[in-house]
Amino acid sequence: MNRNHIQIAKQMAAYLILSVLISGCAAKRDLVYFSNLNQINSVSEAPGQEVIIAAGDMVNVTVISASLESDKLFQTNTNNGVTNVGYKVNAAGNITLPLIGEIHIAGMTTTQAERAITQQLSKQIKNPGVEVKITNFKVTVVGEVNKPSTFTIPDGNINLIEALGLAGDMTVYGKRENVLVIRQENGTKIIKRLSLNDVNVIRSPYFDLKQNDIVYVEPDRSKAVEYSQNTRLMPLVIASISALAVLVAVLKTH
């Protein structure tokens, strides 16, 4: 084999190695939550936001008073003869309760609803204690997480990290620096991008989730690279076989 043939073989080998390196290249990514935590001593949270009751919500109403018979009406949640796990807020924003009938609670926090119900119940029973909870508070987590799903939150209190925990955390392909929270407010869809690499994210009003929020974790570009490896690999294999064939032919003729 003369020097020209050896040089050609080396060039082809270098080309193949370079192709493999390029196909496997991916940008360096920060996979750590709150990776700048060591740069900050403390972070103030955003002011807490109470859950607002809306039409379509299911609410559980518990009453404790000196009247055991009255309390039982709420314990079984008997609504027009039908036993259920709560009272559905109708399109007008009302629920129908034993003893007091229809009452408007949409647009109220659970604390405000408790006060409104207590005021009406006080006309029927003495010193009632009322607790209101939303039973169908839910958030949806989709995208690059291990267990995408819609989750019901019994106490209506959940933040972004907790929601991701319910979804089995992000996969290694999830963009921690660019998580989308999709929220509907006053009939408008609002999309907010949050970076979970930055500890200051807990100051965002979108860090604490509201009912029906959707969390979407975008896939990193490296996932597309990996999923396309099979289609990229075949041309490389063919090129390698061709290079070997040429090299063998050269060796046989010299």
C-alpha atoms as a PDB file:
ATOM      1  CA  MET A   1       0.000   0.000   0.000  1.00  0.00           C
ATOM      2  CA  ASN A   2       1.479   3.368  -0.968  1.00  0.00           C
ATOM      3  CA  ARG A   3       1.320   6.546   1.059  1.00  0.00           C
ATOM      4  CA  ASN A   4      -1.651   7.909  -0.875  1.00  0.00           C
ATOM      5  CA  HIS A   5      -3.758   4.866  -0.052  1.00  0.00           C
ATOM      6  CA  ILE A   6      -2.783   5.062   3.614  1.00  0.00           C
ATOM      7  CA  GLN A   7      -3.642   8.769   3.673  1.00  0.00           C
ATOM      8  CA  ILE A   8      -7.066   8.089   2.134  1.00  0.00           C
ATOM      9  CA  ALA A   9      -7.771   5.372   4.710  1.00  0.00           C
ATOM     10  CA  LYS A  10      -6.804   7.708   7.539  1.00  0.00           C
ATOM     11  CA  GLN A  11      -9.052  10.477   6.186  1.00  0.00           C
ATOM     12  CA  MET A  12     -12.012   8.118   5.955  1.00  0.00           C
ATOM     13  CA  ALA A  13     -11.448   6.897   9.526  1.00  0.00           C
ATOM     14  CA  ALA A  14     -11.203  10.482  10.759  1.00  0.00           C
ATOM     15  CA  TYR A  15     -14.424  11.350   8.955  1.00  0.00           C
ATOM     16  CA  LEU A  16     -16.276   8.468  10.583  1.00  0.00           C
ATOM     17  CA  ILE A  17     -14.994   9.342  14.051  1.00  0.00           C
ATOM     18  CA  LEU A  18     -15.966  12.998  13.575  1.00  0.00           C
ATOM     19  CA  SER A  19     -19.452  12.005  12.402  1.00  0.00           C
ATOM     20  CA  VAL A  20     -20.021   9.889  15.499  1.00  0.00           C
ATOM     21  CA  LEU A  21     -18.806  12.676  17.773  1.00  0.00           C
ATOM     22  CA  ILE A  22     -21.038  15.274  16.138  1.00  0.00           C
ATOM     23  CA  SER A  23     -24.106  13.025  16.288  1.00  0.00           C
ATOM     24  CA  GLY A  24     -23.566  12.448  20.002  1.00  0.00           C
ATOM     25  CA  CYS A  25     -23.026  16.078  20.895  1.00  0.00           C
ATOM     26  CA  ALA A  26     -25.583  17.758  23.187  1.00  0.00           C
ATOM     27  CA  ALA A  27     -25.536  21.034  25.030  1.00  0.00           C
ATOM     28  CA  LYS A  28     -24.532  20.897  28.689  1.00  0.00           C
ATOM     29  CA  ARG A  29     -27.609  21.146  30.887  1.00  0.00           C
ATOM     30  CA  ASP A  30     -28.277  21.965  34.532  1.00  0.00           C
ATOM     31  CA  LEU A  31     -30.343  19.097  35.973  1.00  0.00           C
ATOM     32  CA  VAL A  32     -30.317  20.415  39.559  1.00  0.00           C
ATOM     33  CA  TYR A  33     -33.339  22.132  41.080  1.00  0.00           C
ATOM     34  CA  PHE A  34     -32.494  25.494  42.692  1.00  0.00           C
ATOM     35  CA  SER A  35     -28.887  25.153  41.542  1.00  0.00           C
ATOM     36  CA  ASN A  36     -28.148  28.748  42.615  1.00  0.00           C
ATOM     37  CA  LEU A  37     -29.198  28.074  46.211  1.00  0.00           C
ATOM     38  CA  ASN A  38     -25.620  28.409  47.521  1.00  0.00           C
ATOM     39  CA  GLN A  39     -25.576  31.985  46.246  1.00  0.00           C
ATOM     40  CA  ILE A  40     -28.612  33.050  48.303  1.00  0.00           C
ATOM     41  CA  ASN A  41     -29.116  33.096  52.073  1.00  0.00           C
ATOM     42  CA  SER A  42     -32.905  33.333  52.131  1.00  0.00           C
ATOM     43  CA  VAL A  43     -35.860  33.783  49.801  1.00  0.00           C
ATOM     44  CA  SER A  44     -39.233  35.305  50.614  1.00  0.00           C
ATOM     45  CA  GLU A  45     -42.208  33.379  49.300  1.00  0.00           C
ATOM     46  CA  ALA A  46     -44.955  34.999  47.272  1.00  0.00           C
ATOM     47  CA  PRO A  47     -48.003  35.982  49.352  1.00  0.00           C
ATOM     48  CA  GLY A  48     -50.257  32.982  49.894  1.00  0.00           C
ATOM     49  CA  GLN A  49     -53.286  32.814  47.641  1.00  0.00           C
ATOM     50  CA  GLU A  50     -56.458  31.205  48.906  1.00  0.00           C
ATOM     51  CA  VAL A  51     -58.391  28.910  46.625  1.00  0.00           C
ATOM     52  CA  ILE A  52     -61.404  30.538  45.002  1.00  0.00           C
ATOM     53  CA  ILE A  53     -64.531  28.428  44.576  1.00  0.00           C
ATOM     54  CA  ALA A  54     -65.807  28.306  41.003  1.00  0.00           C
ATOM     55  CA  ALA A  55     -68.756  26.850  39.101  1.00  0.00           C
ATOM     56  CA  GLY A  56     -68.209  23.129  38.543  1.00  0.00           C
ATOM     57  CA  ASP A  57     -66.305  22.629  41.795  1.00  0.00           C
ATOM     58  CA  MET A  58     -67.367  19.922  44.218  1.00  0.00           C
ATOM     59  CA  VAL A  59     -67.344  21.089  47.832  1.00  0.00           C
ATOM     60  CA  ASN A  60     -67.635  19.114  51.029  1.00  0.00           C
ATOM     61  CA  VAL A  61     -69.467  20.858  53.873  1.00  0.00           C
ATOM     62  CA  THR A  62     -68.985  19.588  57.428  1.00  0.00           C
ATOM     63  CA  VAL A  63     -71.064  20.957  60.299  1.00  0.00           C
ATOM     64  CA  ILE A  64     -70.451  20.453  64.005  1.00  0.00           C
ATOM     65  CA  SER A  65     -73.025  21.762  66.477  1.00  0.00           C
ATOM     66  CA  ALA A  66     -75.035  20.840  69.558  1.00  0.00           C
ATOM     67  CA  SER A  67     -77.636  19.237  67.273  1.00  0.00           C
ATOM     68  CA  LEU A  68     -76.420  15.756  66.308  1.00  0.00           C
ATOM     69  CA  GLU A  69     -79.393  15.252  63.999  1.00  0.00           C
ATOM     70  CA  SER A  70     -78.529  18.385  62.041  1.00  0.00           C
ATOM     71  CA  ASP A  71     -74.888  17.401  61.855  1.00  0.00           C
ATOM     72  CA  LYS A  72     -75.782  14.020  60.371  1.00  0.00           C
ATOM     73  CA  LEU A  73     -77.518  15.712  57.464  1.00  0.00           C
ATOM     74  CA  PHE A  74     -74.163  17.125  56.421  1.00  0.00           C
ATOM     75  CA  GLN A  75     -72.125  14.076  57.338  1.00  0.00           C
ATOM     76  CA  THR A  76     -73.982  11.998  54.751  1.00  0.00           C
ATOM     77  CA  ASN A  77     -74.166  14.933  52.329  1.00  0.00           C
ATOM     78  CA  THR A  78     -77.739  14.115  51.451  1.00  0.00           C
ATOM     79  CA  ASN A  79     -78.719  16.453  48.653  1.00  0.00           C
ATOM     80  CA  ASN A  80     -82.288  16.031  47.378  1.00  0.00           C
ATOM     81  CA  GLY A  81     -82.268  12.420  48.533  1.00  0.00           C
ATOM     82  CA  VAL A  82     -78.988  11.600  46.775  1.00  0.00           C
ATOM     83  CA  THR A  83     -75.937  10.728  48.857  1.00  0.00           C
ATOM     84  CA  ASN A  84     -72.675  11.921  47.338  1.00  0.00           C
ATOM     85  CA  VAL A  85     -69.175  13.025  48.266  1.00  0.00           C
ATOM     86  CA  GLY A  86     -69.938  16.720  48.030  1.00  0.00           C
ATOM     87  CA  TYR A  87     -72.101  19.448  46.617  1.00  0.00           C
ATOM     88  CA  LYS A  88     -71.542  20.602  43.067  1.00  0.00           C
ATOM     89  CA  VAL A  89     -71.416  24.342  42.472  1.00  0.00           C
ATOM     90  CA  ASN A  90     -73.882  24.926  39.645  1.00  0.00           C
ATOM     91  CA  ALA A  91     -73.507  27.303  36.718  1.00  0.00           C
ATOM     92  CA  ALA A  92     -75.056  30.106  38.768  1.00  0.00           C
ATOM     93  CA  GLY A  93     -72.438  29.560  41.492  1.00  0.00           C
ATOM     94  CA  ASN A  94     -74.853  28.052  44.013  1.00  0.00           C
ATOM     95  CA  ILE A  95     -75.109  24.864  46.084  1.00  0.00           C
ATOM     96  CA  THR A  96     -78.154  23.479  47.830  1.00  0.00           C
ATOM     97  CA  LEU A  97     -77.644  22.515  51.476  1.00  0.00           C
ATOM     98  CA  PRO A  98     -79.881  20.886  54.072  1.00  0.00           C
ATOM     99  CA  LEU A  99     -81.801  23.292  56.333  1.00  0.00           C
ATOM    100  CA  ILE A 100     -80.867  26.462  54.419  1.00  0.00           C
ATOM    101  CA  GLY A 101     -81.474  25.538  50.793  1.00  0.00           C
ATOM    102  CA  GLU A 102     -79.650  27.315  47.970  1.00  0.00           C
ATOM    103  CA  ILE A 103     -76.690  29.530  48.770  1.00  0.00           C
ATOM    104  CA  HIS A 104     -74.234  31.345  46.511  1.00  0.00           C
ATOM    105  CA  ILE A 105     -70.535  30.561  47.128  1.00  0.00           C
ATOM    106  CA  ALA A 106     -68.786  30.926  43.730  1.00  0.00           C
ATOM    107  CA  GLY A 107     -66.100  33.598  43.791  1.00  0.00           C
ATOM    108  CA  MET A 108     -65.551  33.069  47.508  1.00  0.00           C
ATOM    109  CA  THR A 109     -62.594  31.541  49.278  1.00  0.00           C
ATOM    110  CA  THR A 110     -63.376  28.508  51.397  1.00  0.00           C
ATOM    111  CA  THR A 111     -63.110  30.718  54.500  1.00  0.00           C
ATOM    112  CA  GLN A 112     -65.641  33.188  53.090  1.00  0.00           C
ATOM    113  CA  ALA A 113     -67.969  30.332  52.161  1.00  0.00           C
ATOM    114  CA  GLU A 114     -67.746  28.979  55.709  1.00  0.00           C
ATOM    115  CA  ARG A 115     -68.778  32.362  57.075  1.00  0.00           C
ATOM    116  CA  ALA A 116     -71.683  32.685  54.643  1.00  0.00           C
ATOM    117  CA  ILE A 117     -72.977  29.187  55.454  1.00  0.00           C
ATOM    118  CA  THR A 118     -72.485  29.723  59.184  1.00  0.00           C
ATOM    119  CA  GLN A 119     -74.527  32.926  59.004  1.00  0.00           C
ATOM    120  CA  GLN A 120     -77.433  31.124  57.338  1.00  0.00           C
ATOM    121  CA  LEU A 121     -77.224  28.014  59.545  1.00  0.00           C
ATOM    122  CA  SER A 122     -77.234  30.135  62.684  1.00  0.00           C
ATOM    123  CA  LYS A 123     -80.871  30.904  61.923  1.00  0.00           C
ATOM    124  CA  GLN A 124     -81.651  27.186  62.242  1.00  0.00           C
ATOM    125  CA  ILE A 125     -79.199  25.779  64.809  1.00  0.00           C
ATOM    126  CA  LYS A 126     -77.143  27.288  67.616  1.00  0.00           C
ATOM    127  CA  ASN A 127     -73.433  28.066  67.201  1.00  0.00           C
ATOM    128  CA  PRO A 128     -72.675  25.833  64.219  1.00  0.00           C
ATOM    129  CA  GLY A 129     -69.076  25.145  63.256  1.00  0.00           C
ATOM    130  CA  VAL A 130     -68.662  24.911  59.471  1.00  0.00           C
ATOM    131  CA  GLU A 131     -65.803  23.601  57.373  1.00  0.00           C
ATOM    132  CA  VAL A 132     -65.760  23.824  53.567  1.00  0.00           C
ATOM    133  CA  LYS A 133     -63.309  21.955  51.352  1.00  0.00           C
ATOM    134  CA  ILE A 134     -63.055  21.656  47.577  1.00  0.00           C
ATOM    135  CA  THR A 135     -62.980  17.924  46.828  1.00  0.00           C
ATOM    136  CA  ASN A 136     -62.217  18.024  43.104  1.00  0.00           C
ATOM    137  CA  PHE A 137     -59.273  20.444  43.154  1.00  0.00           C
ATOM    138  CA  LYS A 138     -57.020  19.070  40.443  1.00  0.00           C
ATOM    139  CA  VAL A 139     -53.854  19.880  38.527  1.00  0.00           C
ATOM    140  CA  THR A 140     -52.470  18.205  35.414  1.00  0.00           C
ATOM    141  CA  VAL A 141     -48.779  17.482  34.834  1.00  0.00           C
ATOM    142  CA  VAL A 142     -47.707  16.409  31.337  1.00  0.00           C
ATOM    143  CA  GLY A 143     -44.618  16.331  29.143  1.00  0.00           C
ATOM    144  CA  GLU A 144     -41.213  15.091  30.241  1.00  0.00           C
ATOM    145  CA  VAL A 145     -42.244  13.546  33.554  1.00  0.00           C
ATOM    146  CA  ASN A 146     -42.230   9.901  34.567  1.00  0.00           C
ATOM    147  CA  LYS A 147     -45.938   9.658  35.423  1.00  0.00           C
ATOM    148  CA  PRO A 148     -47.977  12.267  33.530  1.00  0.00           C
ATOM    149  CA  SER A 149     -51.506  12.483  34.872  1.00  0.00           C
ATOM    150  CA  THR A 150     -54.232  14.623  36.410  1.00  0.00           C
ATOM    151  CA  PHE A 151     -54.039  14.695  40.198  1.00  0.00           C
ATOM    152  CA  THR A 152     -56.791  15.471  42.690  1.00  0.00           C
ATOM    153  CA  ILE A 153     -55.550  17.472  45.681  1.00  0.00           C
ATOM    154  CA  PRO A 154     -57.740  16.919  48.767  1.00  0.00           C
ATOM    155  CA  ASP A 155     -56.787  20.106  50.626  1.00  0.00           C
ATOM    156  CA  GLY A 156     -56.384  22.305  47.533  1.00  0.00           C
ATOM    157  CA  ASN A 157     -52.857  23.236  48.518  1.00  0.00           C
ATOM    158  CA  ILE A 158     -49.984  22.287  46.213  1.00  0.00           C
ATOM    159  CA  ASN A 159     -46.946  23.935  44.680  1.00  0.00           C
ATOM    160  CA  LEU A 160     -45.053  23.241  41.477  1.00  0.00           C
ATOM    161  CA  ILE A 161     -42.387  21.022  43.071  1.00  0.00           C
ATOM    162  CA  GLU A 162     -45.022  18.937  44.864  1.00  0.00           C
ATOM    163  CA  ALA A 163     -46.957  18.493  41.613  1.00  0.00           C
ATOM    164  CA  LEU A 164     -43.819  17.297  39.834  1.00  0.00           C
ATOM    165  CA  GLY A 165     -43.243  14.907  42.735  1.00  0.00           C
ATOM    166  CA  LEU A 166     -46.696  13.396  42.227  1.00  0.00           C
ATOM    167  CA  ALA A 167     -45.807  12.948  38.553  1.00  0.00           C
ATOM    168  CA  GLY A 168     -42.662  10.988  39.444  1.00  0.00           C
ATOM    169  CA  ASP A 169     -40.351  13.978  38.832  1.00  0.00           C
ATOM    170  CA  MET A 170     -38.968  15.108  35.467  1.00  0.00           C
ATOM    171  CA  THR A 171     -37.086  12.781  33.187  1.00  0.00           C
ATOM    172  CA  VAL A 172     -33.479  13.685  32.393  1.00  0.00           C
ATOM    173  CA  TYR A 173     -34.796  15.302  29.193  1.00  0.00           C
ATOM    174  CA  GLY A 174     -37.104  17.745  31.000  1.00  0.00           C
ATOM    175  CA  LYS A 175     -36.209  21.432  30.702  1.00  0.00           C
ATOM    176  CA  ARG A 176     -35.895  22.472  34.332  1.00  0.00           C
ATOM    177  CA  GLU A 177     -35.104  25.995  33.230  1.00  0.00           C
ATOM    178  CA  ASN A 178     -38.309  26.332  31.217  1.00  0.00           C
ATOM    179  CA  VAL A 179     -41.386  24.782  32.847  1.00  0.00           C
ATOM    180  CA  LEU A 180     -44.752  26.036  31.609  1.00  0.00           C
ATOM    181  CA  VAL A 181     -47.692  26.699  33.922  1.00  0.00           C
ATOM    182  CA  ILE A 182     -50.947  27.159  32.010  1.00  0.00           C
ATOM    183  CA  ARG A 183     -53.722  28.851  33.981  1.00  0.00           C
ATOM    184  CA  GLN A 184     -57.148  30.205  33.127  1.00  0.00           C
ATOM    185  CA  GLU A 185     -58.044  33.515  34.719  1.00  0.00           C
ATOM    186  CA  ASN A 186     -61.155  35.510  33.878  1.00  0.00           C
ATOM    187  CA  GLY A 187     -61.726  33.475  30.723  1.00  0.00           C
ATOM    188  CA  THR A 188     -58.159  33.968  29.457  1.00  0.00           C
ATOM    189  CA  LYS A 189     -55.447  31.316  29.169  1.00  0.00           C
ATOM    190  CA  ILE A 190     -52.214  32.551  30.728  1.00  0.00           C
ATOM    191  CA  ILE A 191     -48.913  30.769  30.055  1.00  0.00           C
ATOM    192  CA  LYS A 192     -46.022  31.428  32.424  1.00  0.00           C
ATOM    193  CA  ARG A 193     -42.493  30.065  32.007  1.00  0.00           C
ATOM    194  CA  LEU A 194     -40.620  29.255  35.212  1.00  0.00           C
ATOM    195  CA  SER A 195     -37.014  28.202  35.831  1.00  0.00           C
ATOM    196  CA  LEU A 196     -36.632  25.580  38.521  1.00  0.00           C
ATOM    197  CA  ASN A 197     -32.866  26.081  38.420  1.00  0.00           C
ATOM    198  CA  ASP A 198     -33.491  29.422  40.137  1.00  0.00           C
ATOM    199  CA  VAL A 199     -34.510  29.354  43.816  1.00  0.00           C
ATOM    200  CA  ASN A 200     -36.270  32.710  43.344  1.00  0.00           C
ATOM    201  CA  VAL A 201     -39.015  30.836  41.498  1.00  0.00           C
ATOM    202  CA  ILE A 202     -40.808  30.354  44.830  1.00  0.00           C
ATOM    203  CA  ARG A 203     -41.581  34.084  44.755  1.00  0.00           C
ATOM    204  CA  SER A 204     -43.667  33.649  41.616  1.00  0.00           C
ATOM    205  CA  PRO A 205     -47.468  33.677  42.009  1.00  0.00           C
ATOM    206  CA  TYR A 206     -47.431  30.703  39.639  1.00  0.00           C
ATOM    207  CA  PHE A 207     -45.289  28.556  41.943  1.00  0.00           C
ATOM    208  CA  ASP A 208     -48.332  27.751  44.093  1.00  0.00           C
ATOM    209  CA  LEU A 209     -50.783  26.073  41.754  1.00  0.00           C
ATOM    210  CA  LYS A 210     -54.487  26.797  41.406  1.00  0.00           C
ATOM    211  CA  GLN A 211     -57.261  24.396  40.524  1.00  0.00           C
ATOM    212  CA  ASN A 212     -57.198  23.192  36.920  1.00  0.00           C
ATOM    213  CA  ASP A 213     -53.638  24.443  36.342  1.00  0.00           C
ATOM    214  CA  ILE A 214     -51.674  22.540  33.698  1.00  0.00           C
ATOM    215  CA  VAL A 215     -47.939  22.016  34.123  1.00  0.00           C
ATOM    216  CA  TYR A 216     -46.069  21.207  30.917  1.00  0.00           C
ATOM    217  CA  VAL A 217     -42.427  20.115  30.947  1.00  0.00           C
ATOM    218  CA  GLU A 218     -40.803  20.626  27.567  1.00  0.00           C
ATOM    219  CA  PRO A 219     -38.343  18.026  26.232  1.00  0.00           C
ATOM    220  CA  ASP A 220     -34.747  19.065  25.797  1.00  0.00           C
ATOM    221  CA  ARG A 221     -33.232  18.999  22.323  1.00  0.00           C
ATOM    222  CA  SER A 222     -31.026  16.073  23.400  1.00  0.00           C
ATOM    223  CA  LYS A 223     -34.097  13.827  23.387  1.00  0.00           C
ATOM    224  CA  ALA A 224     -34.682  14.513  19.717  1.00  0.00           C
ATOM    225  CA  VAL A 225     -31.030  13.709  19.109  1.00  0.00           C
ATOM    226  CA  GLU A 226     -31.292  10.390  20.920  1.00  0.00           C
ATOM    227  CA  TYR A 227     -34.525   9.388  19.212  1.00  0.00           C
ATOM    228  CA  SER A 228     -32.965  10.124  15.855  1.00  0.00           C
ATOM    229  CA  GLN A 229     -29.850   8.045  16.587  1.00  0.00           C
ATOM    230  CA  ASN A 230     -31.275   5.030  14.824  1.00  0.00           C
ATOM    231  CA  THR A 231     -31.883   6.953  11.611  1.00  0.00           C
ATOM    232  CA  ARG A 232     -28.463   8.587  11.856  1.00  0.00           C
ATOM    233  CA  LEU A 233     -26.665   5.390  12.706  1.00  0.00           C
ATOM    234  CA  MET A 234     -27.640   3.546   9.552  1.00  0.00           C
ATOM    235  CA  PRO A 235     -25.821   5.920   7.151  1.00  0.00           C
ATOM    236  CA  LEU A 236     -22.764   5.728   9.399  1.00  0.00           C
ATOM    237  CA  VAL A 237     -22.854   1.940   9.343  1.00  0.00           C
ATOM    238  CA  ILE A 238     -23.179   1.952   5.564  1.00  0.00           C
ATOM    239  CA  ALA A 239     -20.324   4.456   5.267  1.00  0.00           C
ATOM    240  CA  SER A 240     -18.170   2.322   7.555  1.00  0.00           C
ATOM    241  CA  ILE A 241     -18.846  -0.808   5.531  1.00  0.00           C
ATOM    242  CA  SER A 242     -18.045   1.068   2.338  1.00  0.00           C
ATOM    243  CA  ALA A 243     -14.800   2.369   3.810  1.00  0.00           C
ATOM    244  CA  LEU A 244     -13.783  -1.110   4.905  1.00  0.00           C
ATOM    245  CA  ALA A 245     -14.634  -2.505   1.478  1.00  0.00           C
ATOM    246  CA  VAL A 246     -12.467   0.123  -0.184  1.00  0.00           C
ATOM    247  CA  LEU A 247      -9.648  -0.543   2.264  1.00  0.00           C
ATOM    248  CA  VAL A 248      -9.842  -4.309   1.691  1.00  0.00           C
ATOM    249  CA  ALA A 249      -9.824  -3.770  -2.079  1.00  0.00           C
ATOM    250  CA  VAL A 250      -6.758  -1.558  -1.800  1.00  0.00           C
ATOM    251  CA  LEU A 251      -4.952  -4.123   0.323  1.00  0.00           C
ATOM    252  CA  LYS A 252      -5.741  -6.931  -2.103  1.00  0.00           C
ATOM    253  CA  THR A 253      -4.412  -4.999  -5.062  1.00  0.00           C
ATOM    254  CA  HIS A 254      -1.173  -4.082  -3.277  1.00  0.00           C
END
